[in-house]
């Protein structure tokens, strides 16, 4: 904060375990990366190099170093993990993470079909060396997973060694924990939270109404992911009640 205001919610301090903001980098330039760090680094915890963009983005190792030097965790999108796995290149995937000095990775099966036991085995193996995010949910909008199954999958992946589980929404915010129009499947969220701690989940929420819903329901320090680079500061204002949607949420009205 650049000045004092009363009745402000208490945000967790970095490095933090909850209240996380994950930004999805879909191909920022080096100059854009520097500008992002300058303006948004203090409000960002994790950078996801979206889907397979790291395979073709120039100066990728320079970009990763910039993020890491700024104290941000960086990992490769889950789609890239799946691209290696479907080609039988798990060793090469681990080698790439080591080469790029990454200490976080994502395990997902949103596009490929593998048994859940195999997925948990990948989590267990990677957790020996990396901080693992595992993604639950399908990228196929026609595939609905029952709430009890979401819970079961999340529990087993956390037990396998995942640091956090990601609730799938894609970058469009219209699958998984949302319906086709982008509305939150609130009954599903409520059911998941009967068994899984909110602090163990990163909710993908690329759209403002989705961010507002989670902040209002789960508080300022909810973990949110797939945030666009230019939405990080607007999101932080939502978290602390300095935007119309959450303006009255923390004010002690006398």
C-alpha atoms as a PDB file:
ATOM      1  CA  UNK A   1       0.000   0.000   0.000  1.00  0.00           C
ATOM      2  CA  UNK A   2       1.218   3.474  -0.869  1.00  0.00           C
ATOM      3  CA  UNK A   3      -0.833   5.006   1.953  1.00  0.00           C
ATOM      4  CA  UNK A   4      -2.897   3.978   4.982  1.00  0.00           C
ATOM      5  CA  UNK A   5      -6.555   2.996   4.842  1.00  0.00           C
ATOM      6  CA  UNK A   6      -8.492   1.505   7.733  1.00  0.00           C
ATOM      7  CA  UNK A   7     -10.627  -1.615   7.437  1.00  0.00           C
ATOM      8  CA  UNK A   8      -8.320  -3.440   5.038  1.00  0.00           C
ATOM      9  CA  UNK A   9      -8.215  -7.245   4.895  1.00  0.00           C
ATOM     10  CA  UNK A  10      -4.957  -8.879   5.919  1.00  0.00           C
ATOM     11  CA  UNK A  11      -3.132 -10.390   2.964  1.00  0.00           C
ATOM     12  CA  UNK A  12      -0.613 -13.154   3.543  1.00  0.00           C
ATOM     13  CA  UNK A  13       3.036 -12.184   3.083  1.00  0.00           C
ATOM     14  CA  UNK A  14       5.415 -13.567   0.474  1.00  0.00           C
ATOM     15  CA  UNK A  15       6.643 -16.237   0.273  1.00  0.00           C
ATOM     16  CA  UNK A  16       3.191 -17.559   1.059  1.00  0.00           C
ATOM     17  CA  UNK A  17       1.371 -20.852   1.127  1.00  0.00           C
ATOM     18  CA  UNK A  18      -2.086 -19.397   0.518  1.00  0.00           C
ATOM     19  CA  UNK A  19      -3.440 -16.253  -1.058  1.00  0.00           C
ATOM     20  CA  UNK A  20      -1.454 -17.196  -4.157  1.00  0.00           C
ATOM     21  CA  UNK A  21      -1.779 -15.465  -7.512  1.00  0.00           C
ATOM     22  CA  UNK A  22      -0.601 -17.461 -10.517  1.00  0.00           C
ATOM     23  CA  UNK A  23      -0.097 -15.494 -13.737  1.00  0.00           C
ATOM     24  CA  UNK A  24      -0.343 -17.286 -17.073  1.00  0.00           C
ATOM     25  CA  UNK A  25       2.410 -16.080 -19.398  1.00  0.00           C
ATOM     26  CA  UNK A  26       1.307 -16.847 -22.950  1.00  0.00           C
ATOM     27  CA  UNK A  27       4.341 -15.320 -24.640  1.00  0.00           C
ATOM     28  CA  UNK A  28       5.424 -12.059 -23.052  1.00  0.00           C
ATOM     29  CA  UNK A  29       8.517 -10.483 -24.585  1.00  0.00           C
ATOM     30  CA  UNK A  30      11.616  -9.879 -22.503  1.00  0.00           C
ATOM     31  CA  UNK A  31      10.776  -6.177 -22.210  1.00  0.00           C
ATOM     32  CA  UNK A  32       7.182  -7.010 -21.265  1.00  0.00           C
ATOM     33  CA  UNK A  33       8.493  -9.464 -18.695  1.00  0.00           C
ATOM     34  CA  UNK A  34      10.675  -6.793 -17.128  1.00  0.00           C
ATOM     35  CA  UNK A  35       7.770  -4.350 -17.080  1.00  0.00           C
ATOM     36  CA  UNK A  36       5.486  -6.982 -15.572  1.00  0.00           C
ATOM     37  CA  UNK A  37       7.955  -7.725 -12.777  1.00  0.00           C
ATOM     38  CA  UNK A  38       8.387  -4.014 -12.092  1.00  0.00           C
ATOM     39  CA  UNK A  39       4.646  -3.387 -11.773  1.00  0.00           C
ATOM     40  CA  UNK A  40       3.201  -6.717 -10.655  1.00  0.00           C
ATOM     41  CA  UNK A  41       6.014  -8.759  -9.130  1.00  0.00           C
ATOM     42  CA  UNK A  42       5.004  -7.889  -5.565  1.00  0.00           C
ATOM     43  CA  UNK A  43       1.480  -9.166  -6.200  1.00  0.00           C
ATOM     44  CA  UNK A  44       2.417 -12.363  -8.045  1.00  0.00           C
ATOM     45  CA  UNK A  45       3.655 -15.674  -6.647  1.00  0.00           C
ATOM     46  CA  UNK A  46       3.775 -18.126  -9.534  1.00  0.00           C
ATOM     47  CA  UNK A  47       4.299 -17.869 -13.288  1.00  0.00           C
ATOM     48  CA  UNK A  48       2.907 -20.558 -15.573  1.00  0.00           C
ATOM     49  CA  UNK A  49       4.472 -20.585 -19.019  1.00  0.00           C
ATOM     50  CA  UNK A  50       1.180 -21.449 -20.672  1.00  0.00           C
ATOM     51  CA  UNK A  51       0.554 -24.724 -22.516  1.00  0.00           C
ATOM     52  CA  UNK A  52       3.392 -25.253 -25.043  1.00  0.00           C
ATOM     53  CA  UNK A  53       4.531 -21.635 -25.440  1.00  0.00           C
ATOM     54  CA  UNK A  54       7.919 -22.305 -23.857  1.00  0.00           C
ATOM     55  CA  UNK A  55       8.799 -24.563 -26.798  1.00  0.00           C
ATOM     56  CA  UNK A  56       8.763 -21.683 -29.290  1.00  0.00           C
ATOM     57  CA  UNK A  57       9.157 -18.480 -27.263  1.00  0.00           C
ATOM     58  CA  UNK A  58      12.554 -16.845 -27.902  1.00  0.00           C
ATOM     59  CA  UNK A  59      14.939 -16.070 -25.037  1.00  0.00           C
ATOM     60  CA  UNK A  60      13.057 -18.452 -22.752  1.00  0.00           C
ATOM     61  CA  UNK A  61      15.956 -19.100 -20.381  1.00  0.00           C
ATOM     62  CA  UNK A  62      16.542 -15.347 -20.023  1.00  0.00           C
ATOM     63  CA  UNK A  63      12.862 -14.901 -19.197  1.00  0.00           C
ATOM     64  CA  UNK A  64      12.904 -17.693 -16.616  1.00  0.00           C
ATOM     65  CA  UNK A  65      15.943 -16.161 -14.933  1.00  0.00           C
ATOM     66  CA  UNK A  66      14.240 -12.761 -14.775  1.00  0.00           C
ATOM     67  CA  UNK A  67      11.236 -14.285 -13.034  1.00  0.00           C
ATOM     68  CA  UNK A  68      13.304 -16.365 -10.638  1.00  0.00           C
ATOM     69  CA  UNK A  69      15.604 -13.458  -9.760  1.00  0.00           C
ATOM     70  CA  UNK A  70      12.439 -11.535  -8.844  1.00  0.00           C
ATOM     71  CA  UNK A  71      11.493 -14.271  -6.384  1.00  0.00           C
ATOM     72  CA  UNK A  72       8.745 -15.797  -8.532  1.00  0.00           C
ATOM     73  CA  UNK A  73       8.251 -19.527  -8.995  1.00  0.00           C
ATOM     74  CA  UNK A  74       8.081 -20.605 -12.639  1.00  0.00           C
ATOM     75  CA  UNK A  75       6.793 -23.795 -14.224  1.00  0.00           C
ATOM     76  CA  UNK A  76       5.898 -25.225 -17.615  1.00  0.00           C
ATOM     77  CA  UNK A  77       2.230 -25.591 -18.497  1.00  0.00           C
ATOM     78  CA  UNK A  78       0.634 -28.967 -17.976  1.00  0.00           C
ATOM     79  CA  UNK A  79      -0.060 -29.416 -21.672  1.00  0.00           C
ATOM     80  CA  UNK A  80       3.686 -29.508 -22.272  1.00  0.00           C
ATOM     81  CA  UNK A  81       4.059 -32.217 -19.613  1.00  0.00           C
ATOM     82  CA  UNK A  82       1.422 -34.211 -21.471  1.00  0.00           C
ATOM     83  CA  UNK A  83       3.190 -33.627 -24.799  1.00  0.00           C
ATOM     84  CA  UNK A  84       6.330 -35.250 -23.365  1.00  0.00           C
ATOM     85  CA  UNK A  85       4.430 -38.107 -21.698  1.00  0.00           C
ATOM     86  CA  UNK A  86       2.438 -39.124 -24.770  1.00  0.00           C
ATOM     87  CA  UNK A  87       5.755 -39.392 -26.641  1.00  0.00           C
ATOM     88  CA  UNK A  88       7.319 -41.542 -23.916  1.00  0.00           C
ATOM     89  CA  UNK A  89       9.785 -38.776 -22.995  1.00  0.00           C
ATOM     90  CA  UNK A  90       9.422 -38.492 -19.210  1.00  0.00           C
ATOM     91  CA  UNK A  91      13.189 -38.519 -18.675  1.00  0.00           C
ATOM     92  CA  UNK A  92      13.613 -35.754 -21.246  1.00  0.00           C
ATOM     93  CA  UNK A  93      10.908 -33.742 -19.453  1.00  0.00           C
ATOM     94  CA  UNK A  94      12.789 -33.945 -16.168  1.00  0.00           C
ATOM     95  CA  UNK A  95      16.054 -33.099 -17.925  1.00  0.00           C
ATOM     96  CA  UNK A  96      14.471 -29.973 -19.450  1.00  0.00           C
ATOM     97  CA  UNK A  97      13.256 -28.763 -16.069  1.00  0.00           C
ATOM     98  CA  UNK A  98      16.737 -29.250 -14.671  1.00  0.00           C
ATOM     99  CA  UNK A  99      18.372 -27.519 -17.632  1.00  0.00           C
ATOM    100  CA  UNK A 100      16.142 -24.478 -17.174  1.00  0.00           C
ATOM    101  CA  UNK A 101      16.656 -24.501 -13.405  1.00  0.00           C
ATOM    102  CA  UNK A 102      12.960 -24.919 -12.638  1.00  0.00           C
ATOM    103  CA  UNK A 103      11.983 -26.152  -9.195  1.00  0.00           C
ATOM    104  CA  UNK A 104       8.237 -26.419  -9.840  1.00  0.00           C
ATOM    105  CA  UNK A 105       6.298 -28.483 -12.366  1.00  0.00           C
ATOM    106  CA  UNK A 106       2.741 -29.435 -13.266  1.00  0.00           C
ATOM    107  CA  UNK A 107       1.301 -32.893 -13.765  1.00  0.00           C
ATOM    108  CA  UNK A 108      -1.952 -33.003 -15.707  1.00  0.00           C
ATOM    109  CA  UNK A 109      -4.005 -35.341 -17.849  1.00  0.00           C
ATOM    110  CA  UNK A 110      -6.547 -32.939 -19.296  1.00  0.00           C
ATOM    111  CA  UNK A 111      -5.764 -33.897 -22.894  1.00  0.00           C
ATOM    112  CA  UNK A 112      -4.232 -37.378 -22.717  1.00  0.00           C
ATOM    113  CA  UNK A 113      -5.647 -40.562 -21.268  1.00  0.00           C
ATOM    114  CA  UNK A 114      -3.564 -42.249 -18.590  1.00  0.00           C
ATOM    115  CA  UNK A 115      -4.680 -44.204 -15.535  1.00  0.00           C
ATOM    116  CA  UNK A 116      -4.953 -42.229 -12.332  1.00  0.00           C
ATOM    117  CA  UNK A 117      -2.423 -44.526 -10.725  1.00  0.00           C
ATOM    118  CA  UNK A 118       0.053 -43.680 -13.480  1.00  0.00           C
ATOM    119  CA  UNK A 119      -0.598 -39.975 -12.935  1.00  0.00           C
ATOM    120  CA  UNK A 120       0.015 -40.378  -9.201  1.00  0.00           C
ATOM    121  CA  UNK A 121       3.224 -42.247  -9.951  1.00  0.00           C
ATOM    122  CA  UNK A 122       4.445 -39.266 -11.998  1.00  0.00           C
ATOM    123  CA  UNK A 123       3.539 -36.958  -9.110  1.00  0.00           C
ATOM    124  CA  UNK A 124       5.356 -39.157  -6.607  1.00  0.00           C
ATOM    125  CA  UNK A 125       8.476 -39.346  -8.773  1.00  0.00           C
ATOM    126  CA  UNK A 126       8.603 -35.627  -9.583  1.00  0.00           C
ATOM    127  CA  UNK A 127       7.911 -34.643  -5.967  1.00  0.00           C
ATOM    128  CA  UNK A 128      11.303 -36.097  -5.041  1.00  0.00           C
ATOM    129  CA  UNK A 129      12.930 -33.208  -6.881  1.00  0.00           C
ATOM    130  CA  UNK A 130      10.300 -30.559  -7.695  1.00  0.00           C
ATOM    131  CA  UNK A 131       7.369 -28.800  -6.061  1.00  0.00           C
ATOM    132  CA  UNK A 132       4.445 -30.372  -7.900  1.00  0.00           C
ATOM    133  CA  UNK A 133       1.170 -28.807  -8.927  1.00  0.00           C
ATOM    134  CA  UNK A 134      -1.304 -31.400 -10.169  1.00  0.00           C
ATOM    135  CA  UNK A 135      -4.308 -30.443 -12.243  1.00  0.00           C
ATOM    136  CA  UNK A 136      -7.672 -32.124 -11.804  1.00  0.00           C
ATOM    137  CA  UNK A 137     -10.416 -31.899 -14.419  1.00  0.00           C
ATOM    138  CA  UNK A 138     -10.809 -32.321 -18.145  1.00  0.00           C
ATOM    139  CA  UNK A 139     -10.328 -29.807 -20.946  1.00  0.00           C
ATOM    140  CA  UNK A 140     -13.221 -31.483 -22.755  1.00  0.00           C
ATOM    141  CA  UNK A 141     -16.352 -29.413 -22.086  1.00  0.00           C
ATOM    142  CA  UNK A 142     -18.550 -32.458 -22.707  1.00  0.00           C
ATOM    143  CA  UNK A 143     -16.867 -34.497 -19.976  1.00  0.00           C
ATOM    144  CA  UNK A 144     -18.399 -33.912 -16.554  1.00  0.00           C
ATOM    145  CA  UNK A 145     -16.737 -35.379 -13.474  1.00  0.00           C
ATOM    146  CA  UNK A 146     -18.938 -36.162 -10.482  1.00  0.00           C
ATOM    147  CA  UNK A 147     -18.159 -34.224  -7.283  1.00  0.00           C
ATOM    148  CA  UNK A 148     -17.201 -37.378  -5.363  1.00  0.00           C
ATOM    149  CA  UNK A 149     -14.691 -38.163  -8.104  1.00  0.00           C
ATOM    150  CA  UNK A 150     -13.151 -34.664  -7.967  1.00  0.00           C
ATOM    151  CA  UNK A 151     -12.650 -35.210  -4.250  1.00  0.00           C
ATOM    152  CA  UNK A 152     -11.177 -38.663  -4.706  1.00  0.00           C
ATOM    153  CA  UNK A 153      -8.747 -37.512  -7.393  1.00  0.00           C
ATOM    154  CA  UNK A 154      -7.619 -34.488  -5.377  1.00  0.00           C
ATOM    155  CA  UNK A 155      -7.116 -36.532  -2.214  1.00  0.00           C
ATOM    156  CA  UNK A 156      -5.013 -39.162  -3.973  1.00  0.00           C
ATOM    157  CA  UNK A 157      -2.869 -36.579  -5.778  1.00  0.00           C
ATOM    158  CA  UNK A 158      -2.175 -34.681  -2.563  1.00  0.00           C
ATOM    159  CA  UNK A 159      -1.290 -37.975  -0.886  1.00  0.00           C
ATOM    160  CA  UNK A 160       1.052 -38.766  -3.797  1.00  0.00           C
ATOM    161  CA  UNK A 161       3.031 -35.604  -3.040  1.00  0.00           C
ATOM    162  CA  UNK A 162       1.346 -32.716  -4.850  1.00  0.00           C
ATOM    163  CA  UNK A 163       1.944 -29.365  -3.120  1.00  0.00           C
ATOM    164  CA  UNK A 164      -1.348 -27.997  -4.454  1.00  0.00           C
ATOM    165  CA  UNK A 165      -4.041 -29.303  -6.761  1.00  0.00           C
ATOM    166  CA  UNK A 166      -5.299 -27.078  -9.560  1.00  0.00           C
ATOM    167  CA  UNK A 167      -9.014 -27.066 -10.355  1.00  0.00           C
ATOM    168  CA  UNK A 168      -9.206 -27.071 -14.157  1.00  0.00           C
ATOM    169  CA  UNK A 169     -10.920 -24.283 -16.075  1.00  0.00           C
ATOM    170  CA  UNK A 170      -8.665 -23.773 -19.127  1.00  0.00           C
ATOM    171  CA  UNK A 171      -7.655 -20.263 -20.122  1.00  0.00           C
ATOM    172  CA  UNK A 172     -11.212 -19.595 -21.294  1.00  0.00           C
ATOM    173  CA  UNK A 173     -12.810 -20.357 -17.934  1.00  0.00           C
ATOM    174  CA  UNK A 174     -15.584 -22.459 -19.467  1.00  0.00           C
ATOM    175  CA  UNK A 175     -14.879 -26.070 -18.475  1.00  0.00           C
ATOM    176  CA  UNK A 176     -14.230 -28.029 -15.290  1.00  0.00           C
ATOM    177  CA  UNK A 177     -15.376 -25.953 -12.315  1.00  0.00           C
ATOM    178  CA  UNK A 178     -17.390 -23.688 -14.648  1.00  0.00           C
ATOM    179  CA  UNK A 179     -20.205 -24.332 -17.069  1.00  0.00           C
ATOM    180  CA  UNK A 180     -20.035 -23.443 -20.761  1.00  0.00           C
ATOM    181  CA  UNK A 181     -21.093 -19.842 -20.109  1.00  0.00           C
ATOM    182  CA  UNK A 182     -18.347 -19.373 -17.497  1.00  0.00           C
ATOM    183  CA  UNK A 183     -20.593 -19.469 -14.427  1.00  0.00           C
ATOM    184  CA  UNK A 184     -19.170 -21.106 -11.315  1.00  0.00           C
ATOM    185  CA  UNK A 185     -20.491 -24.580 -10.549  1.00  0.00           C
ATOM    186  CA  UNK A 186     -21.082 -23.568  -6.946  1.00  0.00           C
ATOM    187  CA  UNK A 187     -22.572 -26.897  -5.857  1.00  0.00           C
ATOM    188  CA  UNK A 188     -19.423 -28.639  -7.088  1.00  0.00           C
ATOM    189  CA  UNK A 189     -17.158 -26.188  -5.238  1.00  0.00           C
ATOM    190  CA  UNK A 190     -19.176 -26.585  -2.036  1.00  0.00           C
ATOM    191  CA  UNK A 191     -18.943 -30.368  -2.280  1.00  0.00           C
ATOM    192  CA  UNK A 192     -15.194 -30.349  -2.924  1.00  0.00           C
ATOM    193  CA  UNK A 193     -14.609 -28.125   0.110  1.00  0.00           C
ATOM    194  CA  UNK A 194     -16.330 -30.589   2.434  1.00  0.00           C
ATOM    195  CA  UNK A 195     -13.278 -32.842   2.071  1.00  0.00           C
ATOM    196  CA  UNK A 196     -10.395 -30.805   0.578  1.00  0.00           C
ATOM    197  CA  UNK A 197      -8.875 -27.781   2.313  1.00  0.00           C
ATOM    198  CA  UNK A 198      -9.263 -24.563   0.366  1.00  0.00           C
ATOM    199  CA  UNK A 199      -5.580 -23.823   1.039  1.00  0.00           C
ATOM    200  CA  UNK A 200      -4.629 -26.969  -0.921  1.00  0.00           C
ATOM    201  CA  UNK A 201      -6.440 -25.856  -4.085  1.00  0.00           C
ATOM    202  CA  UNK A 202      -5.546 -23.329  -6.784  1.00  0.00           C
ATOM    203  CA  UNK A 203      -8.788 -22.319  -8.502  1.00  0.00           C
ATOM    204  CA  UNK A 204      -8.295 -21.353 -12.133  1.00  0.00           C
ATOM    205  CA  UNK A 205     -10.234 -18.107 -12.532  1.00  0.00           C
ATOM    206  CA  UNK A 206      -9.324 -16.215 -15.708  1.00  0.00           C
ATOM    207  CA  UNK A 207     -12.499 -14.094 -15.756  1.00  0.00           C
ATOM    208  CA  UNK A 208     -13.278 -11.219 -13.392  1.00  0.00           C
ATOM    209  CA  UNK A 209     -16.738 -12.521 -12.306  1.00  0.00           C
ATOM    210  CA  UNK A 210     -15.089 -15.827 -11.382  1.00  0.00           C
ATOM    211  CA  UNK A 211     -12.418 -14.048  -9.334  1.00  0.00           C
ATOM    212  CA  UNK A 212     -15.086 -11.995  -7.571  1.00  0.00           C
ATOM    213  CA  UNK A 213     -17.088 -15.115  -6.727  1.00  0.00           C
ATOM    214  CA  UNK A 214     -14.134 -16.914  -5.142  1.00  0.00           C
ATOM    215  CA  UNK A 215     -12.995 -13.877  -3.167  1.00  0.00           C
ATOM    216  CA  UNK A 216     -16.494 -13.274  -1.821  1.00  0.00           C
ATOM    217  CA  UNK A 217     -17.029 -16.934  -0.964  1.00  0.00           C
ATOM    218  CA  UNK A 218     -13.568 -17.965   0.223  1.00  0.00           C
ATOM    219  CA  UNK A 219     -11.912 -14.723   1.269  1.00  0.00           C
ATOM    220  CA  UNK A 220      -9.075 -12.432   0.299  1.00  0.00           C
ATOM    221  CA  UNK A 221      -6.451 -15.179   0.559  1.00  0.00           C
ATOM    222  CA  UNK A 222      -7.969 -17.695  -1.835  1.00  0.00           C
ATOM    223  CA  UNK A 223      -5.496 -19.198  -4.334  1.00  0.00           C
ATOM    224  CA  UNK A 224      -6.297 -18.093  -7.900  1.00  0.00           C
ATOM    225  CA  UNK A 225      -4.677 -19.135 -11.165  1.00  0.00           C
ATOM    226  CA  UNK A 226      -4.652 -18.484 -14.914  1.00  0.00           C
ATOM    227  CA  UNK A 227      -4.646 -14.738 -14.311  1.00  0.00           C
ATOM    228  CA  UNK A 228      -3.717 -12.629 -17.351  1.00  0.00           C
ATOM    229  CA  UNK A 229      -0.577 -10.519 -17.014  1.00  0.00           C
ATOM    230  CA  UNK A 230      -2.574  -7.274 -17.157  1.00  0.00           C
ATOM    231  CA  UNK A 231      -5.157  -8.470 -14.621  1.00  0.00           C
ATOM    232  CA  UNK A 232      -2.831  -9.090 -11.662  1.00  0.00           C
ATOM    233  CA  UNK A 233      -3.107  -5.603 -10.133  1.00  0.00           C
ATOM    234  CA  UNK A 234      -6.869  -5.403 -10.816  1.00  0.00           C
ATOM    235  CA  UNK A 235      -7.191  -8.791  -9.072  1.00  0.00           C
ATOM    236  CA  UNK A 236      -5.243  -7.526  -6.068  1.00  0.00           C
ATOM    237  CA  UNK A 237      -7.633  -4.575  -5.766  1.00  0.00           C
ATOM    238  CA  UNK A 238     -10.512  -7.059  -5.738  1.00  0.00           C
ATOM    239  CA  UNK A 239      -8.778  -8.992  -2.972  1.00  0.00           C
ATOM    240  CA  UNK A 240      -8.496  -5.917  -0.734  1.00  0.00           C
ATOM    241  CA  UNK A 241     -11.822  -4.222  -1.438  1.00  0.00           C
ATOM    242  CA  UNK A 242     -10.591  -1.400  -3.648  1.00  0.00           C
ATOM    243  CA  UNK A 243     -12.792  -2.214  -6.627  1.00  0.00           C
ATOM    244  CA  UNK A 244     -16.545  -1.867  -6.839  1.00  0.00           C
ATOM    245  CA  UNK A 245     -17.326  -5.596  -6.748  1.00  0.00           C
ATOM    246  CA  UNK A 246     -15.791  -6.080  -3.266  1.00  0.00           C
ATOM    247  CA  UNK A 247     -15.861  -2.459  -2.035  1.00  0.00           C
ATOM    248  CA  UNK A 248     -18.117  -3.054   0.989  1.00  0.00           C
ATOM    249  CA  UNK A 249     -16.852  -6.522   1.906  1.00  0.00           C
ATOM    250  CA  UNK A 250     -14.322  -5.374   4.524  1.00  0.00           C
ATOM    251  CA  UNK A 251     -15.573  -1.969   5.660  1.00  0.00           C
ATOM    252  CA  UNK A 252     -16.704  -1.819   9.278  1.00  0.00           C
ATOM    253  CA  UNK A 253     -19.833   0.220   8.815  1.00  0.00           C
ATOM    254  CA  UNK A 254     -20.849   1.969  12.027  1.00  0.00           C
END
